[in-house]
Structure formats: C-alpha cells, structure tokens
Amino acid sequence: METIDARGLLCPEPVVLVQKAIKAAPAEATVLVDAMAAKENVTRFAKSRGYEVSASEKDGEFTLTLTKK
C-alpha cells in the first residue's frame, strides 16, 4: 500500500501528489493531510477516479484510505 504524506502542503499540491500516485491504479493508498480543504479536495478527486474513501481524524490530522472499487 502506498502512503502519500501531504501534511503541510496547500492545495492543489495534495491532489497533485494523489493524482501522480494513482496513475499506476493501486488497489489501495493512504493519504495524510492536515487541512480540511485538502481532505475535501483529495476525497472529491479520488471518488472521481473510482476510489472509495474512508477518513479518520486525530489531533487535527486526517488519514484518508483510498480503495479502488
């Protein structure tokens, strides 16, 4: 499973990193972000590419798990 650490990055950088990472169509990937806007944008992008997204939050940081449908 690939892990993308996009903490501290401003949009659109987290989405760009995810876009590059999923070009190989991994079955699953984890994305770490620390901004609500990044969480929402990555979620929207991943769903548009056929991934289901589950999210958890701890201490202001979000862990997004992307799973290919």
PDB file of N, CA and C in Angstrom:
ATOM      1  N   MET A   1       0.845  -1.170   0.000  1.00  0.00           N
ATOM      2  CA  MET A   1       0.000   0.000   0.000  1.00  0.00           C
ATOM      3  C   MET A   1       0.895   1.239   0.000  1.00  0.00           C
ATOM      4  N   GLU A   2       0.547   2.196  -0.801  1.00  0.00           N
ATOM      5  CA  GLU A   2       1.305   3.433  -0.910  1.00  0.00           C
ATOM      6  C   GLU A   2       0.792   4.445   0.111  1.00  0.00           C
ATOM      7  N   THR A   3       1.710   5.174   0.731  1.00  0.00           N
ATOM      8  CA  THR A   3       1.334   6.243   1.651  1.00  0.00           C
ATOM      9  C   THR A   3       1.832   7.564   1.097  1.00  0.00           C
ATOM     10  N   ILE A   4       0.919   8.528   1.010  1.00  0.00           N
ATOM     11  CA  ILE A   4       1.234   9.855   0.490  1.00  0.00           C
ATOM     12  C   ILE A   4       1.130  10.828   1.661  1.00  0.00           C
ATOM     13  N   ASP A   5       2.235  11.436   2.031  1.00  0.00           N
ATOM     14  CA  ASP A   5       2.242  12.391   3.132  1.00  0.00           C
ATOM     15  C   ASP A   5       2.143  13.797   2.558  1.00  0.00           C
ATOM     16  N   ALA A   6       0.936  14.379   2.630  1.00  0.00           N
ATOM     17  CA  ALA A   6       0.706  15.715   2.095  1.00  0.00           C
ATOM     18  C   ALA A   6       0.463  16.721   3.214  1.00  0.00           C
ATOM     19  N   ARG A   7       0.882  16.374   4.422  1.00  0.00           N
ATOM     20  CA  ARG A   7       0.717  17.300   5.544  1.00  0.00           C
ATOM     21  C   ARG A   7       1.581  18.534   5.318  1.00  0.00           C
ATOM     22  N   GLY A   8       1.014  19.689   5.632  1.00  0.00           N
ATOM     23  CA  GLY A   8       1.742  20.941   5.489  1.00  0.00           C
ATOM     24  C   GLY A   8       1.708  21.530   4.092  1.00  0.00           C
ATOM     25  N   LEU A   9       1.084  20.837   3.158  1.00  0.00           N
ATOM     26  CA  LEU A   9       1.013  21.331   1.788  1.00  0.00           C
ATOM     27  C   LEU A   9      -0.325  22.018   1.531  1.00  0.00           C
ATOM     28  N   LEU A  10      -0.295  23.063   0.735  1.00  0.00           N
ATOM     29  CA  LEU A  10      -1.511  23.780   0.374  1.00  0.00           C
ATOM     30  C   LEU A  10      -2.057  23.248  -0.938  1.00  0.00           C
ATOM     31  N   CYS A  11      -3.368  23.324  -1.085  1.00  0.00           N
ATOM     32  CA  CYS A  11      -3.991  22.890  -2.337  1.00  0.00           C
ATOM     33  C   CYS A  11      -3.488  23.774  -3.458  1.00  0.00           C
ATOM     34  N   PRO A  12      -3.253  23.202  -4.605  1.00  0.00           N
ATOM     35  CA  PRO A  12      -3.654  21.874  -5.073  1.00  0.00           C
ATOM     36  C   PRO A  12      -2.596  20.792  -4.895  1.00  0.00           C
ATOM     37  N   GLU A  13      -1.515  21.063  -4.162  1.00  0.00           N
ATOM     38  CA  GLU A  13      -0.422  20.098  -4.059  1.00  0.00           C
ATOM     39  C   GLU A  13      -0.848  18.704  -3.574  1.00  0.00           C
ATOM     40  N   PRO A  14      -1.695  18.583  -2.533  1.00  0.00           N
ATOM     41  CA  PRO A  14      -2.106  17.238  -2.123  1.00  0.00           C
ATOM     42  C   PRO A  14      -2.817  16.462  -3.236  1.00  0.00           C
ATOM     43  N   VAL A  15      -3.657  17.143  -3.994  1.00  0.00           N
ATOM     44  CA  VAL A  15      -4.375  16.484  -5.092  1.00  0.00           C
ATOM     45  C   VAL A  15      -3.396  16.070  -6.192  1.00  0.00           C
ATOM     46  N   VAL A  16      -2.414  16.915  -6.474  1.00  0.00           N
ATOM     47  CA  VAL A  16      -1.414  16.594  -7.499  1.00  0.00           C
ATOM     48  C   VAL A  16      -0.615  15.359  -7.084  1.00  0.00           C
ATOM     49  N   LEU A  17      -0.231  15.277  -5.811  1.00  0.00           N
ATOM     50  CA  LEU A  17       0.505  14.101  -5.331  1.00  0.00           C
ATOM     51  C   LEU A  17      -0.334  12.833  -5.456  1.00  0.00           C
ATOM     52  N   VAL A  18      -1.617  12.934  -5.109  1.00  0.00           N
ATOM     53  CA  VAL A  18      -2.503  11.774  -5.224  1.00  0.00           C
ATOM     54  C   VAL A  18      -2.678  11.396  -6.689  1.00  0.00           C
ATOM     55  N   GLN A  19      -2.839  12.382  -7.548  1.00  0.00           N
ATOM     56  CA  GLN A  19      -3.003  12.117  -8.982  1.00  0.00           C
ATOM     57  C   GLN A  19      -1.802  11.341  -9.517  1.00  0.00           C
ATOM     58  N   LYS A  20      -0.595  11.741  -9.148  1.00  0.00           N
ATOM     59  CA  LYS A  20       0.611  11.042  -9.597  1.00  0.00           C
ATOM     60  C   LYS A  20       0.665   9.623  -9.032  1.00  0.00           C
ATOM     61  N   ALA A  21       0.290   9.479  -7.759  1.00  0.00           N
ATOM     62  CA  ALA A  21       0.385   8.176  -7.092  1.00  0.00           C
ATOM     63  C   ALA A  21      -0.600   7.159  -7.639  1.00  0.00           C
ATOM     64  N   ILE A  22      -1.780   7.608  -8.068  1.00  0.00           N
ATOM     65  CA  ILE A  22      -2.789   6.636  -8.518  1.00  0.00           C
ATOM     66  C   ILE A  22      -2.740   6.377 -10.025  1.00  0.00           C
ATOM     67  N   LYS A  23      -1.777   6.967 -10.711  1.00  0.00           N
ATOM     68  CA  LYS A  23      -1.631   6.670 -12.144  1.00  0.00           C
ATOM     69  C   LYS A  23      -1.392   5.186 -12.376  1.00  0.00           C
ATOM     70  N   ALA A  24      -0.738   4.538 -11.424  1.00  0.00           N
ATOM     71  CA  ALA A  24      -0.465   3.101 -11.532  1.00  0.00           C
ATOM     72  C   ALA A  24      -1.660   2.269 -11.070  1.00  0.00           C
ATOM     73  N   ALA A  25      -2.757   2.939 -10.705  1.00  0.00           N
ATOM     74  CA  ALA A  25      -4.007   2.291 -10.282  1.00  0.00           C
ATOM     75  C   ALA A  25      -3.809   1.295  -9.135  1.00  0.00           C
ATOM     76  N   PRO A  26      -3.209   1.744  -8.024  1.00  0.00           N
ATOM     77  CA  PRO A  26      -3.065   0.835  -6.885  1.00  0.00           C
ATOM     78  C   PRO A  26      -4.436   0.478  -6.313  1.00  0.00           C
ATOM     79  N   ALA A  27      -4.548  -0.701  -5.737  1.00  0.00           N
ATOM     80  CA  ALA A  27      -5.815  -1.124  -5.144  1.00  0.00           C
ATOM     81  C   ALA A  27      -6.139  -0.294  -3.912  1.00  0.00           C
ATOM     82  N   GLU A  28      -5.082   0.180  -3.230  1.00  0.00           N
ATOM     83  CA  GLU A  28      -5.301   0.950  -2.016  1.00  0.00           C
ATOM     84  C   GLU A  28      -4.158   1.928  -1.800  1.00  0.00           C
ATOM     85  N   ALA A  29      -4.499   3.079  -1.236  1.00  0.00           N
ATOM     86  CA  ALA A  29      -3.483   4.080  -0.897  1.00  0.00           C
ATOM     87  C   ALA A  29      -3.941   4.820   0.348  1.00  0.00           C
ATOM     88  N   THR A  30      -2.975   5.324   1.102  1.00  0.00           N
ATOM     89  CA  THR A  30      -3.263   6.125   2.283  1.00  0.00           C
ATOM     90  C   THR A  30      -2.723   7.520   2.045  1.00  0.00           C
ATOM     91  N   VAL A  31      -3.539   8.523   2.391  1.00  0.00           N
ATOM     92  CA  VAL A  31      -3.136   9.912   2.217  1.00  0.00           C
ATOM     93  C   VAL A  31      -3.228  10.609   3.571  1.00  0.00           C
ATOM     94  N   LEU A  32      -2.163  11.293   3.956  1.00  0.00           N
ATOM     95  CA  LEU A  32      -2.138  12.048   5.204  1.00  0.00           C
ATOM     96  C   LEU A  32      -2.208  13.537   4.873  1.00  0.00           C
ATOM     97  N   VAL A  33      -3.196  14.232   5.445  1.00  0.00           N
ATOM     98  CA  VAL A  33      -3.344  15.680   5.245  1.00  0.00           C
ATOM     99  C   VAL A  33      -3.669  16.323   6.583  1.00  0.00           C
ATOM    100  N   ASP A  34      -3.444  17.634   6.671  1.00  0.00           N
ATOM    101  CA  ASP A  34      -3.718  18.333   7.920  1.00  0.00           C
ATOM    102  C   ASP A  34      -4.594  19.569   7.735  1.00  0.00           C
ATOM    103  N   ALA A  35      -5.310  19.619   6.624  1.00  0.00           N
ATOM    104  CA  ALA A  35      -6.219  20.736   6.370  1.00  0.00           C
ATOM    105  C   ALA A  35      -7.545  20.187   5.847  1.00  0.00           C
ATOM    106  N   MET A  36      -8.636  20.769   6.330  1.00  0.00           N
ATOM    107  CA  MET A  36      -9.962  20.324   5.907  1.00  0.00           C
ATOM    108  C   MET A  36     -10.144  20.479   4.396  1.00  0.00           C
ATOM    109  N   ALA A  37      -9.641  21.577   3.833  1.00  0.00           N
ATOM    110  CA  ALA A  37      -9.779  21.790   2.385  1.00  0.00           C
ATOM    111  C   ALA A  37      -9.061  20.685   1.613  1.00  0.00           C
ATOM    112  N   ALA A  38      -7.886  20.296   2.064  1.00  0.00           N
ATOM    113  CA  ALA A  38      -7.135  19.224   1.399  1.00  0.00           C
ATOM    114  C   ALA A  38      -7.895  17.912   1.515  1.00  0.00           C
ATOM    115  N   LYS A  39      -8.461  17.638   2.676  1.00  0.00           N
ATOM    116  CA  LYS A  39      -9.257  16.420   2.877  1.00  0.00           C
ATOM    117  C   LYS A  39     -10.413  16.377   1.890  1.00  0.00           C
ATOM    118  N   GLU A  40     -11.134  17.475   1.784  1.00  0.00           N
ATOM    119  CA  GLU A  40     -12.288  17.527   0.886  1.00  0.00           C
ATOM    120  C   GLU A  40     -11.869  17.409  -0.577  1.00  0.00           C
ATOM    121  N   ASN A  41     -10.808  18.104  -0.962  1.00  0.00           N
ATOM    122  CA  ASN A  41     -10.369  18.075  -2.362  1.00  0.00           C
ATOM    123  C   ASN A  41      -9.824  16.712  -2.769  1.00  0.00           C
ATOM    124  N   VAL A  42      -9.031  16.096  -1.900  1.00  0.00           N
ATOM    125  CA  VAL A  42      -8.496  14.761  -2.197  1.00  0.00           C
ATOM    126  C   VAL A  42      -9.640  13.754  -2.272  1.00  0.00           C
ATOM    127  N   THR A  43     -10.588  13.855  -1.354  1.00  0.00           N
ATOM    128  CA  THR A  43     -11.740  12.950  -1.360  1.00  0.00           C
ATOM    129  C   THR A  43     -12.520  13.077  -2.661  1.00  0.00           C
ATOM    130  N   ARG A  44     -12.812  14.294  -3.055  1.00  0.00           N
ATOM    131  CA  ARG A  44     -13.571  14.538  -4.289  1.00  0.00           C
ATOM    132  C   ARG A  44     -12.819  13.987  -5.507  1.00  0.00           C
ATOM    133  N   PHE A  45     -11.513  14.253  -5.564  1.00  0.00           N
ATOM    134  CA  PHE A  45     -10.708  13.775  -6.687  1.00  0.00           C
ATOM    135  C   PHE A  45     -10.673  12.249  -6.734  1.00  0.00           C
ATOM    136  N   ALA A  46     -10.409  11.627  -5.596  1.00  0.00           N
ATOM    137  CA  ALA A  46     -10.304  10.161  -5.552  1.00  0.00           C
ATOM    138  C   ALA A  46     -11.624   9.504  -5.963  1.00  0.00           C
ATOM    139  N   LYS A  47     -12.729  10.045  -5.492  1.00  0.00           N
ATOM    140  CA  LYS A  47     -14.036   9.491  -5.863  1.00  0.00           C
ATOM    141  C   LYS A  47     -14.277   9.622  -7.367  1.00  0.00           C
ATOM    142  N   SER A  48     -13.799  10.715  -7.946  1.00  0.00           N
ATOM    143  CA  SER A  48     -13.981  10.903  -9.390  1.00  0.00           C
ATOM    144  C   SER A  48     -13.143   9.923 -10.203  1.00  0.00           C
ATOM    145  N   ARG A  49     -12.140   9.307  -9.555  1.00  0.00           N
ATOM    146  CA  ARG A  49     -11.275   8.323 -10.220  1.00  0.00           C
ATOM    147  C   ARG A  49     -11.634   6.891  -9.841  1.00  0.00           C
ATOM    148  N   GLY A  50     -12.800   6.709  -9.204  1.00  0.00           N
ATOM    149  CA  GLY A  50     -13.278   5.361  -8.914  1.00  0.00           C
ATOM    150  C   GLY A  50     -12.808   4.763  -7.605  1.00  0.00           C
ATOM    151  N   TYR A  51     -12.389   5.588  -6.679  1.00  0.00           N
ATOM    152  CA  TYR A  51     -11.958   5.107  -5.364  1.00  0.00           C
ATOM    153  C   TYR A  51     -13.032   5.401  -4.320  1.00  0.00           C
ATOM    154  N   GLU A  52     -13.186   4.476  -3.389  1.00  0.00           N
ATOM    155  CA  GLU A  52     -13.978   4.742  -2.192  1.00  0.00           C
ATOM    156  C   GLU A  52     -13.024   5.361  -1.190  1.00  0.00           C
ATOM    157  N   VAL A  53     -13.520   6.294  -0.387  1.00  0.00           N
ATOM    158  CA  VAL A  53     -12.660   6.999   0.554  1.00  0.00           C
ATOM    159  C   VAL A  53     -13.227   6.888   1.960  1.00  0.00           C
ATOM    160  N   SER A  54     -12.390   6.448   2.885  1.00  0.00           N
ATOM    161  CA  SER A  54     -12.766   6.490   4.293  1.00  0.00           C
ATOM    162  C   SER A  54     -11.761   7.399   4.984  1.00  0.00           C
ATOM    163  N   ALA A  55     -12.246   8.157   5.967  1.00  0.00           N
ATOM    164  CA  ALA A  55     -11.396   9.141   6.621  1.00  0.00           C
ATOM    165  C   ALA A  55     -11.469   8.998   8.135  1.00  0.00           C
ATOM    166  N   SER A  56     -10.346   9.247   8.777  1.00  0.00           N
ATOM    167  CA  SER A  56     -10.312   9.333  10.232  1.00  0.00           C
ATOM    168  C   SER A  56      -9.503  10.574  10.595  1.00  0.00           C
ATOM    169  N   GLU A  57      -9.790  11.119  11.775  1.00  0.00           N
ATOM    170  CA  GLU A  57      -9.126  12.342  12.198  1.00  0.00           C
ATOM    171  C   GLU A  57      -8.547  12.142  13.589  1.00  0.00           C
ATOM    172  N   LYS A  58      -7.318  12.601  13.772  1.00  0.00           N
ATOM    173  CA  LYS A  58      -6.691  12.542  15.085  1.00  0.00           C
ATOM    174  C   LYS A  58      -5.787  13.760  15.242  1.00  0.00           C
ATOM    175  N   ASP A  59      -6.042  14.528  16.269  1.00  0.00           N
ATOM    176  CA  ASP A  59      -5.218  15.704  16.580  1.00  0.00           C
ATOM    177  C   ASP A  59      -5.096  16.670  15.399  1.00  0.00           C
ATOM    178  N   GLY A  60      -6.182  16.858  14.664  1.00  0.00           N
ATOM    179  CA  GLY A  60      -6.180  17.810  13.551  1.00  0.00           C
ATOM    180  C   GLY A  60      -5.566  17.295  12.268  1.00  0.00           C
ATOM    181  N   GLU A  61      -5.183  16.030  12.248  1.00  0.00           N
ATOM    182  CA  GLU A  61      -4.648  15.435  11.021  1.00  0.00           C
ATOM    183  C   GLU A  61      -5.603  14.358  10.537  1.00  0.00           C
ATOM    184  N   PHE A  62      -5.744  14.264   9.233  1.00  0.00           N
ATOM    185  CA  PHE A  62      -6.666  13.318   8.630  1.00  0.00           C
ATOM    186  C   PHE A  62      -5.895  12.216   7.924  1.00  0.00           C
ATOM    187  N   THR A  63      -6.381  10.990   8.083  1.00  0.00           N
ATOM    188  CA  THR A  63      -5.860   9.853   7.350  1.00  0.00           C
ATOM    189  C   THR A  63      -6.959   9.384   6.416  1.00  0.00           C
ATOM    190  N   LEU A  64      -6.709   9.466   5.127  1.00  0.00           N
ATOM    191  CA  LEU A  64      -7.669   9.049   4.113  1.00  0.00           C
ATOM    192  C   LEU A  64      -7.205   7.716   3.534  1.00  0.00           C
ATOM    193  N   THR A  65      -8.103   6.758   3.504  1.00  0.00           N
ATOM    194  CA  THR A  65      -7.795   5.478   2.897  1.00  0.00           C
ATOM    195  C   THR A  65      -8.579   5.383   1.610  1.00  0.00           C
ATOM    196  N   LEU A  66      -7.869   5.287   0.498  1.00  0.00           N
ATOM    197  CA  LEU A  66      -8.480   5.187  -0.826  1.00  0.00           C
ATOM    198  C   LEU A  66      -8.455   3.732  -1.251  1.00  0.00           C
ATOM    199  N   THR A  67      -9.622   3.210  -1.602  1.00  0.00           N
ATOM    200  CA  THR A  67      -9.750   1.817  -2.018  1.00  0.00           C
ATOM    201  C   THR A  67     -10.424   1.775  -3.374  1.00  0.00           C
ATOM    202  N   LYS A  68      -9.777   1.122  -4.332  1.00  0.00           N
ATOM    203  CA  LYS A  68     -10.335   1.019  -5.691  1.00  0.00           C
ATOM    204  C   LYS A  68     -11.607   0.186  -5.651  1.00  0.00           C
ATOM    205  N   LYS A  69     -12.652   0.710  -6.289  1.00  0.00           N
ATOM    206  CA  LYS A  69     -13.940  -0.003  -6.334  1.00  0.00           C
ATOM    207  C   LYS A  69     -13.852  -1.202  -7.251  1.00  0.00           C
TER     208      LYS A  69
END
